[in-house]
Amino acid sequence: MNTSRQQNPTNSFFWLTSCFAFCIVVFGAIAHVTYRNKQIQTAREIEATEKRIAAMRQDDIPSIEAEIDRHLARYDLREKLRQQGSKLVATPSQHIQVIRLQNPDLSQQAQRP
């Protein structure tokens, strides 16, 4: 019986403070995990976007460059002809006639360039 008198009674304030601190730690851990998962998800989205940009550059830029080269080829050809002293001249667009077939069949279409 003397042992119970010598022990200090457990203070309710201590237990209340301990429970409050435990709750803060638990909520902090949950918030940390949530924010970390969002950070990882954002990093994955950024990586996926970078991959899509790289794929677009790989696919679109060569086709754009080919189109630019195709447009510039006529000017290169004109310059080469000029350097070689060719007597060819450009045809004005009003002199160009478009000829369409009235009733084209497959054999005639195959012969067209």
PDB file of N, CA and C in Angstrom:
ATOM      1  N   MET A   1       0.796  -1.198   0.000  1.00  0.00           N
ATOM      2  CA  MET A   1       0.000   0.000   0.000  1.00  0.00           C
ATOM      3  C   MET A   1       0.837   1.259   0.000  1.00  0.00           C
ATOM      4  N   ASN A   2       1.974   1.190   0.556  1.00  0.00           N
ATOM      5  CA  ASN A   2       2.811   2.374   0.587  1.00  0.00           C
ATOM      6  C   ASN A   2       3.329   2.736  -0.807  1.00  0.00           C
ATOM      7  N   THR A   3       3.468   1.740  -1.669  1.00  0.00           N
ATOM      8  CA  THR A   3       3.998   2.037  -2.999  1.00  0.00           C
ATOM      9  C   THR A   3       3.066   2.935  -3.790  1.00  0.00           C
ATOM     10  N   SER A   4       1.800   2.780  -3.681  1.00  0.00           N
ATOM     11  CA  SER A   4       0.884   3.625  -4.435  1.00  0.00           C
ATOM     12  C   SER A   4       0.906   5.053  -3.926  1.00  0.00           C
ATOM     13  N   ARG A   5       1.218   5.251  -2.643  1.00  0.00           N
ATOM     14  CA  ARG A   5       1.295   6.612  -2.120  1.00  0.00           C
ATOM     15  C   ARG A   5       2.585   7.301  -2.566  1.00  0.00           C
ATOM     16  N   GLN A   6       3.633   6.513  -2.794  1.00  0.00           N
ATOM     17  CA  GLN A   6       4.899   7.120  -3.177  1.00  0.00           C
ATOM     18  C   GLN A   6       4.940   7.477  -4.667  1.00  0.00           C
ATOM     19  N   GLN A   7       4.135   6.846  -5.487  1.00  0.00           N
ATOM     20  CA  GLN A   7       4.105   7.166  -6.916  1.00  0.00           C
ATOM     21  C   GLN A   7       3.300   8.436  -7.138  1.00  0.00           C
ATOM     22  N   ASN A   8       3.818   9.244  -8.037  1.00  0.00           N
ATOM     23  CA  ASN A   8       3.093  10.460  -8.372  1.00  0.00           C
ATOM     24  C   ASN A   8       1.859  10.092  -9.188  1.00  0.00           C
ATOM     25  N   PRO A   9       0.778  10.716  -8.925  1.00  0.00           N
ATOM     26  CA  PRO A   9      -0.407  10.422  -9.730  1.00  0.00           C
ATOM     27  C   PRO A   9      -0.185  10.938 -11.159  1.00  0.00           C
ATOM     28  N   THR A  10      -0.652  10.163 -12.125  1.00  0.00           N
ATOM     29  CA  THR A  10      -0.497  10.547 -13.520  1.00  0.00           C
ATOM     30  C   THR A  10      -1.387  11.749 -13.787  1.00  0.00           C
ATOM     31  N   ASN A  11      -0.760  12.763 -14.293  1.00  0.00           N
ATOM     32  CA  ASN A  11      -1.459  14.010 -14.523  1.00  0.00           C
ATOM     33  C   ASN A  11      -2.283  13.897 -15.812  1.00  0.00           C
ATOM     34  N   SER A  12      -3.524  14.315 -15.787  1.00  0.00           N
ATOM     35  CA  SER A  12      -4.376  14.252 -16.975  1.00  0.00           C
ATOM     36  C   SER A  12      -3.882  15.236 -18.039  1.00  0.00           C
ATOM     37  N   PHE A  13      -3.256  16.321 -17.611  1.00  0.00           N
ATOM     38  CA  PHE A  13      -2.704  17.279 -18.564  1.00  0.00           C
ATOM     39  C   PHE A  13      -1.599  16.623 -19.408  1.00  0.00           C
ATOM     40  N   PHE A  14      -0.782  15.786 -18.790  1.00  0.00           N
ATOM     41  CA  PHE A  14       0.273  15.073 -19.503  1.00  0.00           C
ATOM     42  C   PHE A  14      -0.330  14.166 -20.576  1.00  0.00           C
ATOM     43  N   TRP A  15      -1.366  13.414 -20.226  1.00  0.00           N
ATOM     44  CA  TRP A  15      -1.994  12.510 -21.189  1.00  0.00           C
ATOM     45  C   TRP A  15      -2.676  13.291 -22.317  1.00  0.00           C
ATOM     46  N   LEU A  16      -3.287  14.377 -21.968  1.00  0.00           N
ATOM     47  CA  LEU A  16      -3.958  15.201 -22.967  1.00  0.00           C
ATOM     48  C   LEU A  16      -2.934  15.801 -23.942  1.00  0.00           C
ATOM     49  N   THR A  17      -1.832  16.287 -23.399  1.00  0.00           N
ATOM     50  CA  THR A  17      -0.772  16.847 -24.237  1.00  0.00           C
ATOM     51  C   THR A  17      -0.142  15.760 -25.107  1.00  0.00           C
ATOM     52  N   SER A  18       0.061  14.580 -24.561  1.00  0.00           N
ATOM     53  CA  SER A  18       0.635  13.470 -25.328  1.00  0.00           C
ATOM     54  C   SER A  18      -0.285  13.066 -26.479  1.00  0.00           C
ATOM     55  N   CYS A  19      -1.572  12.977 -26.216  1.00  0.00           N
ATOM     56  CA  CYS A  19      -2.537  12.631 -27.272  1.00  0.00           C
ATOM     57  C   CYS A  19      -2.569  13.714 -28.351  1.00  0.00           C
ATOM     58  N   PHE A  20      -2.528  14.971 -27.935  1.00  0.00           N
ATOM     59  CA  PHE A  20      -2.533  16.075 -28.889  1.00  0.00           C
ATOM     60  C   PHE A  20      -1.269  16.039 -29.754  1.00  0.00           C
ATOM     61  N   ALA A  21      -0.125  15.798 -29.149  1.00  0.00           N
ATOM     62  CA  ALA A  21       1.136  15.715 -29.894  1.00  0.00           C
ATOM     63  C   ALA A  21       1.112  14.527 -30.860  1.00  0.00           C
ATOM     64  N   PHE A  22       0.553  13.408 -30.408  1.00  0.00           N
ATOM     65  CA  PHE A  22       0.446  12.232 -31.268  1.00  0.00           C
ATOM     66  C   PHE A  22      -0.438  12.535 -32.484  1.00  0.00           C
ATOM     67  N   CYS A  23      -1.549  13.221 -32.251  1.00  0.00           N
ATOM     68  CA  CYS A  23      -2.447  13.591 -33.356  1.00  0.00           C
ATOM     69  C   CYS A  23      -1.737  14.514 -34.348  1.00  0.00           C
ATOM     70  N   ILE A  24      -0.971  15.463 -33.831  1.00  0.00           N
ATOM     71  CA  ILE A  24      -0.231  16.373 -34.710  1.00  0.00           C
ATOM     72  C   ILE A  24       0.774  15.595 -35.554  1.00  0.00           C
ATOM     73  N   VAL A  25       1.479  14.647 -34.943  1.00  0.00           N
ATOM     74  CA  VAL A  25       2.458  13.845 -35.670  1.00  0.00           C
ATOM     75  C   VAL A  25       1.768  13.006 -36.741  1.00  0.00           C
ATOM     76  N   VAL A  26       0.633  12.396 -36.408  1.00  0.00           N
ATOM     77  CA  VAL A  26      -0.089  11.559 -37.374  1.00  0.00           C
ATOM     78  C   VAL A  26      -0.587  12.405 -38.544  1.00  0.00           C
ATOM     79  N   PHE A  27      -1.208  13.540 -38.254  1.00  0.00           N
ATOM     80  CA  PHE A  27      -1.701  14.403 -39.329  1.00  0.00           C
ATOM     81  C   PHE A  27      -0.543  14.960 -40.163  1.00  0.00           C
ATOM     82  N   GLY A  28       0.559  15.260 -39.527  1.00  0.00           N
ATOM     83  CA  GLY A  28       1.736  15.725 -40.269  1.00  0.00           C
ATOM     84  C   GLY A  28       2.271  14.650 -41.199  1.00  0.00           C
ATOM     85  N   ALA A  29       2.300  13.405 -40.714  1.00  0.00           N
ATOM     86  CA  ALA A  29       2.777  12.306 -41.551  1.00  0.00           C
ATOM     87  C   ALA A  29       1.846  12.089 -42.743  1.00  0.00           C
ATOM     88  N   ILE A  30       0.547  12.160 -42.497  1.00  0.00           N
ATOM     89  CA  ILE A  30      -0.422  11.993 -43.584  1.00  0.00           C
ATOM     90  C   ILE A  30      -0.269  13.123 -44.606  1.00  0.00           C
ATOM     91  N   ALA A  31      -0.125  14.345 -44.126  1.00  0.00           N
ATOM     92  CA  ALA A  31       0.051  15.482 -45.038  1.00  0.00           C
ATOM     93  C   ALA A  31       1.341  15.337 -45.838  1.00  0.00           C
ATOM     94  N   HIS A  32       2.414  14.888 -45.182  1.00  0.00           N
ATOM     95  CA  HIS A  32       3.689  14.701 -45.869  1.00  0.00           C
ATOM     96  C   HIS A  32       3.555  13.665 -46.984  1.00  0.00           C
ATOM     97  N   VAL A  33       2.917  12.547 -46.691  1.00  0.00           N
ATOM     98  CA  VAL A  33       2.743  11.496 -47.695  1.00  0.00           C
ATOM     99  C   VAL A  33       1.888  12.004 -48.855  1.00  0.00           C
ATOM    100  N   THR A  34       0.832  12.729 -48.533  1.00  0.00           N
ATOM    101  CA  THR A  34      -0.043  13.267 -49.577  1.00  0.00           C
ATOM    102  C   THR A  34       0.717  14.232 -50.482  1.00  0.00           C
ATOM    103  N   TYR A  35       1.445  15.166 -49.901  1.00  0.00           N
ATOM    104  CA  TYR A  35       2.193  16.137 -50.701  1.00  0.00           C
ATOM    105  C   TYR A  35       3.301  15.470 -51.502  1.00  0.00           C
ATOM    106  N   ARG A  36       3.937  14.480 -50.918  1.00  0.00           N
ATOM    107  CA  ARG A  36       5.001  13.768 -51.625  1.00  0.00           C
ATOM    108  C   ARG A  36       4.431  13.008 -52.829  1.00  0.00           C
ATOM    109  N   ASN A  37       3.272  12.377 -52.653  1.00  0.00           N
ATOM    110  CA  ASN A  37       2.643  11.677 -53.773  1.00  0.00           C
ATOM    111  C   ASN A  37       2.261  12.648 -54.885  1.00  0.00           C
ATOM    112  N   LYS A  38       1.767  13.827 -54.512  1.00  0.00           N
ATOM    113  CA  LYS A  38       1.442  14.838 -55.521  1.00  0.00           C
ATOM    114  C   LYS A  38       2.702  15.294 -56.252  1.00  0.00           C
ATOM    115  N   GLN A  39       3.797  15.427 -55.515  1.00  0.00           N
ATOM    116  CA  GLN A  39       5.059  15.837 -56.123  1.00  0.00           C
ATOM    117  C   GLN A  39       5.545  14.778 -57.116  1.00  0.00           C
ATOM    118  N   ILE A  40       5.441  13.518 -56.739  1.00  0.00           N
ATOM    119  CA  ILE A  40       5.856  12.431 -57.627  1.00  0.00           C
ATOM    120  C   ILE A  40       4.970  12.396 -58.868  1.00  0.00           C
ATOM    121  N   GLN A  41       3.659  12.574 -58.671  1.00  0.00           N
ATOM    122  CA  GLN A  41       2.732  12.578 -59.802  1.00  0.00           C
ATOM    123  C   GLN A  41       3.037  13.737 -60.751  1.00  0.00           C
ATOM    124  N   THR A  42       3.332  14.902 -60.205  1.00  0.00           N
ATOM    125  CA  THR A  42       3.674  16.058 -61.037  1.00  0.00           C
ATOM    126  C   THR A  42       4.969  15.800 -61.808  1.00  0.00           C
ATOM    127  N   ALA A  43       5.948  15.192 -61.154  1.00  0.00           N
ATOM    128  CA  ALA A  43       7.212  14.876 -61.836  1.00  0.00           C
ATOM    129  C   ALA A  43       6.971  13.898 -62.982  1.00  0.00           C
ATOM    130  N   ARG A  44       6.081  12.925 -62.780  1.00  0.00           N
ATOM    131  CA  ARG A  44       5.766  11.974 -63.850  1.00  0.00           C
ATOM    132  C   ARG A  44       5.057  12.663 -65.009  1.00  0.00           C
ATOM    133  N   GLU A  45       4.151  13.582 -64.696  1.00  0.00           N
ATOM    134  CA  GLU A  45       3.458  14.320 -65.755  1.00  0.00           C
ATOM    135  C   GLU A  45       4.437  15.182 -66.549  1.00  0.00           C
ATOM    136  N   ILE A  46       5.386  15.802 -65.865  1.00  0.00           N
ATOM    137  CA  ILE A  46       6.398  16.612 -66.546  1.00  0.00           C
ATOM    138  C   ILE A  46       7.246  15.729 -67.457  1.00  0.00           C
ATOM    139  N   GLU A  47       7.634  14.568 -66.970  1.00  0.00           N
ATOM    140  CA  GLU A  47       8.443  13.652 -67.769  1.00  0.00           C
ATOM    141  C   GLU A  47       7.672  13.177 -69.002  1.00  0.00           C
ATOM    142  N   ALA A  48       6.382  12.862 -68.823  1.00  0.00           N
ATOM    143  CA  ALA A  48       5.565  12.431 -69.963  1.00  0.00           C
ATOM    144  C   ALA A  48       5.421  13.556 -70.984  1.00  0.00           C
ATOM    145  N   THR A  49       5.253  14.775 -70.502  1.00  0.00           N
ATOM    146  CA  THR A  49       5.146  15.921 -71.411  1.00  0.00           C
ATOM    147  C   THR A  49       6.446  16.131 -72.173  1.00  0.00           C
ATOM    148  N   GLU A  50       7.574  16.000 -71.490  1.00  0.00           N
ATOM    149  CA  GLU A  50       8.868  16.139 -72.165  1.00  0.00           C
ATOM    150  C   GLU A  50       9.050  15.063 -73.229  1.00  0.00           C
ATOM    151  N   LYS A  51       8.583  13.843 -72.948  1.00  0.00           N
ATOM    152  CA  LYS A  51       8.675  12.770 -73.942  1.00  0.00           C
ATOM    153  C   LYS A  51       7.809  13.080 -75.158  1.00  0.00           C
ATOM    154  N   ARG A  52       6.602  13.614 -74.921  1.00  0.00           N
ATOM    155  CA  ARG A  52       5.731  13.974 -76.038  1.00  0.00           C
ATOM    156  C   ARG A  52       6.339  15.094 -76.873  1.00  0.00           C
ATOM    157  N   ILE A  53       6.951  16.072 -76.210  1.00  0.00           N
ATOM    158  CA  ILE A  53       7.594  17.170 -76.938  1.00  0.00           C
ATOM    159  C   ILE A  53       8.745  16.629 -77.779  1.00  0.00           C
ATOM    160  N   ALA A  54       9.539  15.731 -77.201  1.00  0.00           N
ATOM    161  CA  ALA A  54      10.654  15.143 -77.953  1.00  0.00           C
ATOM    162  C   ALA A  54      10.140  14.343 -79.143  1.00  0.00           C
ATOM    163  N   ALA A  55       9.039  13.608 -78.956  1.00  0.00           N
ATOM    164  CA  ALA A  55       8.470  12.833 -80.062  1.00  0.00           C
ATOM    165  C   ALA A  55       7.941  13.759 -81.154  1.00  0.00           C
ATOM    166  N   MET A  56       7.307  14.855 -80.749  1.00  0.00           N
ATOM    167  CA  MET A  56       6.802  15.809 -81.739  1.00  0.00           C
ATOM    168  C   MET A  56       7.950  16.440 -82.508  1.00  0.00           C
ATOM    169  N   ARG A  57       9.009  16.780 -81.802  1.00  0.00           N
ATOM    170  CA  ARG A  57      10.174  17.364 -82.481  1.00  0.00           C
ATOM    171  C   ARG A  57      10.769  16.370 -83.460  1.00  0.00           C
ATOM    172  N   GLN A  58      10.801  15.119 -83.036  1.00  0.00           N
ATOM    173  CA  GLN A  58      11.397  14.090 -83.874  1.00  0.00           C
ATOM    174  C   GLN A  58      10.534  13.836 -85.110  1.00  0.00           C
ATOM    175  N   ASP A  59       9.207  13.921 -84.958  1.00  0.00           N
ATOM    176  CA  ASP A  59       8.309  13.627 -86.074  1.00  0.00           C
ATOM    177  C   ASP A  59       8.016  14.850 -86.929  1.00  0.00           C
ATOM    178  N   ASP A  60       7.725  15.975 -86.296  1.00  0.00           N
ATOM    179  CA  ASP A  60       7.245  17.140 -87.032  1.00  0.00           C
ATOM    180  C   ASP A  60       8.361  17.964 -87.660  1.00  0.00           C
ATOM    181  N   ILE A  61       9.456  18.134 -86.967  1.00  0.00           N
ATOM    182  CA  ILE A  61      10.511  19.012 -87.474  1.00  0.00           C
ATOM    183  C   ILE A  61      11.096  18.496 -88.788  1.00  0.00           C
ATOM    184  N   PRO A  62      11.389  17.192 -88.922  1.00  0.00           N
ATOM    185  CA  PRO A  62      11.891  16.753 -90.236  1.00  0.00           C
ATOM    186  C   PRO A  62      10.881  16.985 -91.357  1.00  0.00           C
ATOM    187  N   SER A  63       9.585  16.796 -91.080  1.00  0.00           N
ATOM    188  CA  SER A  63       8.600  17.021 -92.138  1.00  0.00           C
ATOM    189  C   SER A  63       8.500  18.506 -92.473  1.00  0.00           C
ATOM    190  N   ILE A  64       8.610  19.366 -91.473  1.00  0.00           N
ATOM    191  CA  ILE A  64       8.598  20.806 -91.731  1.00  0.00           C
ATOM    192  C   ILE A  64       9.842  21.204 -92.513  1.00  0.00           C
ATOM    193  N   GLU A  65      10.984  20.635 -92.128  1.00  0.00           N
ATOM    194  CA  GLU A  65      12.218  20.935 -92.858  1.00  0.00           C
ATOM    195  C   GLU A  65      12.140  20.438 -94.298  1.00  0.00           C
ATOM    196  N   ALA A  66      11.518  19.281 -94.502  1.00  0.00           N
ATOM    197  CA  ALA A  66      11.364  18.770 -95.867  1.00  0.00           C
ATOM    198  C   ALA A  66      10.461  19.682 -96.681  1.00  0.00           C
ATOM    199  N   GLU A  67       9.400  20.192 -96.060  1.00  0.00           N
ATOM    200  CA  GLU A  67       8.505  21.113 -96.767  1.00  0.00           C
ATOM    201  C   GLU A  67       9.227  22.417 -97.114  1.00  0.00           C
ATOM    202  N   ILE A  68      10.020  22.913 -96.178  1.00  0.00           N
ATOM    203  CA  ILE A  68      10.797  24.126 -96.455  1.00  0.00           C
ATOM    204  C   ILE A  68      11.788  23.867 -97.584  1.00  0.00           C
ATOM    205  N   ASP A  69      12.455  22.716 -97.539  1.00  0.00           N
ATOM    206  CA  ASP A  69      13.396  22.376 -98.607  1.00  0.00           C
ATOM    207  C   ASP A  69      12.687  22.273 -99.955  1.00  0.00           C
ATOM    208  N   ARG A  70      11.471  21.718 -99.941  1.00  0.00           N
ATOM    209  CA  ARG A  70      10.709  21.590-101.182  1.00  0.00           C
ATOM    210  C   ARG A  70      10.364  22.972-101.741  1.00  0.00           C
ATOM    211  N   HIS A  71       9.992  23.897-100.850  1.00  0.00           N
ATOM    212  CA  HIS A  71       9.683  25.254-101.302  1.00  0.00           C
ATOM    213  C   HIS A  71      10.935  25.991-101.776  1.00  0.00           C
ATOM    214  N   LEU A  72      12.050  25.738-101.136  1.00  0.00           N
ATOM    215  CA  LEU A  72      13.282  26.425-101.524  1.00  0.00           C
ATOM    216  C   LEU A  72      13.933  25.811-102.756  1.00  0.00           C
ATOM    217  N   ALA A  73      13.547  24.586-103.102  1.00  0.00           N
ATOM    218  CA  ALA A  73      14.179  23.903-104.232  1.00  0.00           C
ATOM    219  C   ALA A  73      13.964  24.669-105.525  1.00  0.00           C
ATOM    220  N   ARG A  74      12.796  25.287-105.704  1.00  0.00           N
ATOM    221  CA  ARG A  74      12.548  26.031-106.951  1.00  0.00           C
ATOM    222  C   ARG A  74      13.495  27.214-107.075  1.00  0.00           C
ATOM    223  N   TYR A  75      13.789  27.857-105.949  1.00  0.00           N
ATOM    224  CA  TYR A  75      14.714  28.992-105.996  1.00  0.00           C
ATOM    225  C   TYR A  75      16.142  28.515-106.248  1.00  0.00           C
ATOM    226  N   ASP A  76      16.498  27.382-105.650  1.00  0.00           N
ATOM    227  CA  ASP A  76      17.821  26.809-105.913  1.00  0.00           C
ATOM    228  C   ASP A  76      17.957  26.429-107.382  1.00  0.00           C
ATOM    229  N   LEU A  77      16.897  25.840-107.929  1.00  0.00           N
ATOM    230  CA  LEU A  77      16.924  25.434-109.331  1.00  0.00           C
ATOM    231  C   LEU A  77      17.053  26.652-110.247  1.00  0.00           C
ATOM    232  N   ARG A  78      16.319  27.712-109.949  1.00  0.00           N
ATOM    233  CA  ARG A  78      16.425  28.936-110.742  1.00  0.00           C
ATOM    234  C   ARG A  78      17.841  29.509-110.677  1.00  0.00           C
ATOM    235  N   GLU A  79      18.411  29.498-109.484  1.00  0.00           N
ATOM    236  CA  GLU A  79      19.771  30.028-109.324  1.00  0.00           C
ATOM    237  C   GLU A  79      20.786  29.182-110.093  1.00  0.00           C
ATOM    238  N   LYS A  80      20.636  27.857-110.048  1.00  0.00           N
ATOM    239  CA  LYS A  80      21.549  26.979-110.788  1.00  0.00           C
ATOM    240  C   LYS A  80      21.415  27.196-112.289  1.00  0.00           C
ATOM    241  N   LEU A  81      20.168  27.343-112.756  1.00  0.00           N
ATOM    242  CA  LEU A  81      19.966  27.597-114.186  1.00  0.00           C
ATOM    243  C   LEU A  81      20.587  28.925-114.595  1.00  0.00           C
ATOM    244  N   ARG A  82      20.438  29.934-113.752  1.00  0.00           N
ATOM    245  CA  ARG A  82      21.024  31.239-114.041  1.00  0.00           C
ATOM    246  C   ARG A  82      22.553  31.143-114.108  1.00  0.00           C
ATOM    247  N   GLN A  83      23.139  30.389-113.165  1.00  0.00           N
ATOM    248  CA  GLN A  83      24.597  30.243-113.141  1.00  0.00           C
ATOM    249  C   GLN A  83      25.107  29.487-114.362  1.00  0.00           C
ATOM    250  N   GLN A  84      24.306  28.544-114.857  1.00  0.00           N
ATOM    251  CA  GLN A  84      24.724  27.755-116.015  1.00  0.00           C
ATOM    252  C   GLN A  84      24.453  28.473-117.332  1.00  0.00           C
ATOM    253  N   GLY A  85      23.825  29.624-117.257  1.00  0.00           N
ATOM    254  CA  GLY A  85      23.568  30.393-118.475  1.00  0.00           C
ATOM    255  C   GLY A  85      22.401  29.868-119.277  1.00  0.00           C
ATOM    256  N   SER A  86      21.439  29.236-118.645  1.00  0.00           N
ATOM    257  CA  SER A  86      20.284  28.687-119.347  1.00  0.00           C
ATOM    258  C   SER A  86      19.398  29.813-119.864  1.00  0.00           C
ATOM    259  N   LYS A  87      18.715  29.548-120.968  1.00  0.00           N
ATOM    260  CA  LYS A  87      17.828  30.539-121.555  1.00  0.00           C
ATOM    261  C   LYS A  87      16.373  30.291-121.159  1.00  0.00           C
ATOM    262  N   LEU A  88      16.149  29.402-120.205  1.00  0.00           N
ATOM    263  CA  LEU A  88      14.783  29.138-119.739  1.00  0.00           C
ATOM    264  C   LEU A  88      14.268  30.341-118.963  1.00  0.00           C
ATOM    265  N   VAL A  89      12.984  30.630-119.151  1.00  0.00           N
ATOM    266  CA  VAL A  89      12.357  31.742-118.432  1.00  0.00           C
ATOM    267  C   VAL A  89      11.114  31.211-117.725  1.00  0.00           C
ATOM    268  N   ALA A  90      10.685  31.926-116.710  1.00  0.00           N
ATOM    269  CA  ALA A  90       9.496  31.521-115.958  1.00  0.00           C
ATOM    270  C   ALA A  90       8.248  31.743-116.797  1.00  0.00           C
ATOM    271  N   THR A  91       7.282  30.846-116.674  1.00  0.00           N
ATOM    272  CA  THR A  91       6.018  30.964-117.395  1.00  0.00           C
ATOM    273  C   THR A  91       5.028  31.733-116.534  1.00  0.00           C
ATOM    274  N   PRO A  92       4.427  32.786-117.052  1.00  0.00           N
ATOM    275  CA  PRO A  92       3.427  33.508-116.265  1.00  0.00           C
ATOM    276  C   PRO A  92       2.214  32.616-115.986  1.00  0.00           C
ATOM    277  N   SER A  93       1.614  32.809-114.842  1.00  0.00           N
ATOM    278  CA  SER A  93       0.507  31.942-114.440  1.00  0.00           C
ATOM    279  C   SER A  93      -0.715  32.095-115.337  1.00  0.00           C
ATOM    280  N   GLN A  94      -0.915  33.237-115.997  1.00  0.00           N
ATOM    281  CA  GLN A  94      -2.086  33.403-116.865  1.00  0.00           C
ATOM    282  C   GLN A  94      -1.961  32.589-118.157  1.00  0.00           C
ATOM    283  N   HIS A  95      -0.764  32.119-118.488  1.00  0.00           N
ATOM    284  CA  HIS A  95      -0.582  31.308-119.694  1.00  0.00           C
ATOM    285  C   HIS A  95      -0.750  29.816-119.436  1.00  0.00           C
ATOM    286  N   ILE A  96      -0.933  29.431-118.199  1.00  0.00           N
ATOM    287  CA  ILE A  96      -1.065  28.014-117.859  1.00  0.00           C
ATOM    288  C   ILE A  96      -2.523  27.613-118.020  1.00  0.00           C
ATOM    289  N   GLN A  97      -2.771  26.511-118.750  1.00  0.00           N
ATOM    290  CA  GLN A  97      -4.128  25.998-118.947  1.00  0.00           C
ATOM    291  C   GLN A  97      -4.251  24.653-118.255  1.00  0.00           C
ATOM    292  N   VAL A  98      -5.344  24.478-117.525  1.00  0.00           N
ATOM    293  CA  VAL A  98      -5.623  23.206-116.865  1.00  0.00           C
ATOM    294  C   VAL A  98      -6.588  22.438-117.750  1.00  0.00           C
ATOM    295  N   ILE A  99      -6.234  21.224-118.120  1.00  0.00           N
ATOM    296  CA  ILE A  99      -7.071  20.394-118.995  1.00  0.00           C
ATOM    297  C   ILE A  99      -7.593  19.229-118.167  1.00  0.00           C
ATOM    298  N   ARG A 100      -8.911  19.114-118.146  1.00  0.00           N
ATOM    299  CA  ARG A 100      -9.549  18.024-117.403  1.00  0.00           C
ATOM    300  C   ARG A 100     -10.232  17.084-118.405  1.00  0.00           C
ATOM    301  N   LEU A 101     -10.190  15.801-118.105  1.00  0.00           N
ATOM    302  CA  LEU A 101     -10.851  14.812-118.955  1.00  0.00           C
ATOM    303  C   LEU A 101     -12.346  14.827-118.671  1.00  0.00           C
ATOM    304  N   GLN A 102     -13.167  14.637-119.717  1.00  0.00           N
ATOM    305  CA  GLN A 102     -14.619  14.654-119.547  1.00  0.00           C
ATOM    306  C   GLN A 102     -15.092  13.413-118.802  1.00  0.00           C
ATOM    307  N   ASN A 103     -14.772  12.242-119.318  1.00  0.00           N
ATOM    308  CA  ASN A 103     -15.172  10.974-118.699  1.00  0.00           C
ATOM    309  C   ASN A 103     -13.936  10.094-118.564  1.00  0.00           C
ATOM    310  N   PRO A 104     -13.148  10.310-117.558  1.00  0.00           N
ATOM    311  CA  PRO A 104     -11.913   9.514-117.461  1.00  0.00           C
ATOM    312  C   PRO A 104     -12.223   8.080-117.037  1.00  0.00           C
ATOM    313  N   ASP A 105     -11.591   7.132-117.679  1.00  0.00           N
ATOM    314  CA  ASP A 105     -11.684   5.752-117.212  1.00  0.00           C
ATOM    315  C   ASP A 105     -10.330   5.366-116.617  1.00  0.00           C
ATOM    316  N   LEU A 106     -10.264   4.173-116.060  1.00  0.00           N
ATOM    317  CA  LEU A 106      -9.064   3.771-115.324  1.00  0.00           C
ATOM    318  C   LEU A 106      -7.835   3.670-116.217  1.00  0.00           C
ATOM    319  N   SER A 107      -8.007   3.267-117.471  1.00  0.00           N
ATOM    320  CA  SER A 107      -6.842   3.124-118.345  1.00  0.00           C
ATOM    321  C   SER A 107      -6.217   4.483-118.654  1.00  0.00           C
ATOM    322  N   GLN A 108      -7.044   5.507-118.806  1.00  0.00           N
ATOM    323  CA  GLN A 108      -6.511   6.839-119.071  1.00  0.00           C
ATOM    324  C   GLN A 108      -5.855   7.427-117.827  1.00  0.00           C
ATOM    325  N   GLN A 109      -6.423   7.134-116.661  1.00  0.00           N
ATOM    326  CA  GLN A 109      -5.840   7.658-115.425  1.00  0.00           C
ATOM    327  C   GLN A 109      -4.489   7.035-115.148  1.00  0.00           C
ATOM    328  N   ALA A 110      -4.319   5.771-115.527  1.00  0.00           N
ATOM    329  CA  ALA A 110      -3.042   5.102-115.286  1.00  0.00           C
ATOM    330  C   ALA A 110      -1.942   5.711-116.144  1.00  0.00           C
ATOM    331  N   GLN A 111      -2.294   6.283-117.291  1.00  0.00           N
ATOM    332  CA  GLN A 111      -1.303   6.858-118.184  1.00  0.00           C
ATOM    333  C   GLN A 111      -0.912   8.275-117.786  1.00  0.00           C
ATOM    334  N   ARG A 112      -1.711   8.891-116.933  1.00  0.00           N
ATOM    335  CA  ARG A 112      -1.406  10.260-116.510  1.00  0.00           C
ATOM    336  C   ARG A 112      -0.208  10.267-115.572  1.00  0.00           C
ATOM    337  N   PRO A 113       0.595  11.303-115.612  1.00  0.00           N
ATOM    338  CA  PRO A 113       1.764  11.365-114.710  1.00  0.00           C
ATOM    339  C   PRO A 113       1.342  11.641-113.289  1.00  0.00           C
TER     340      PRO A 113
END
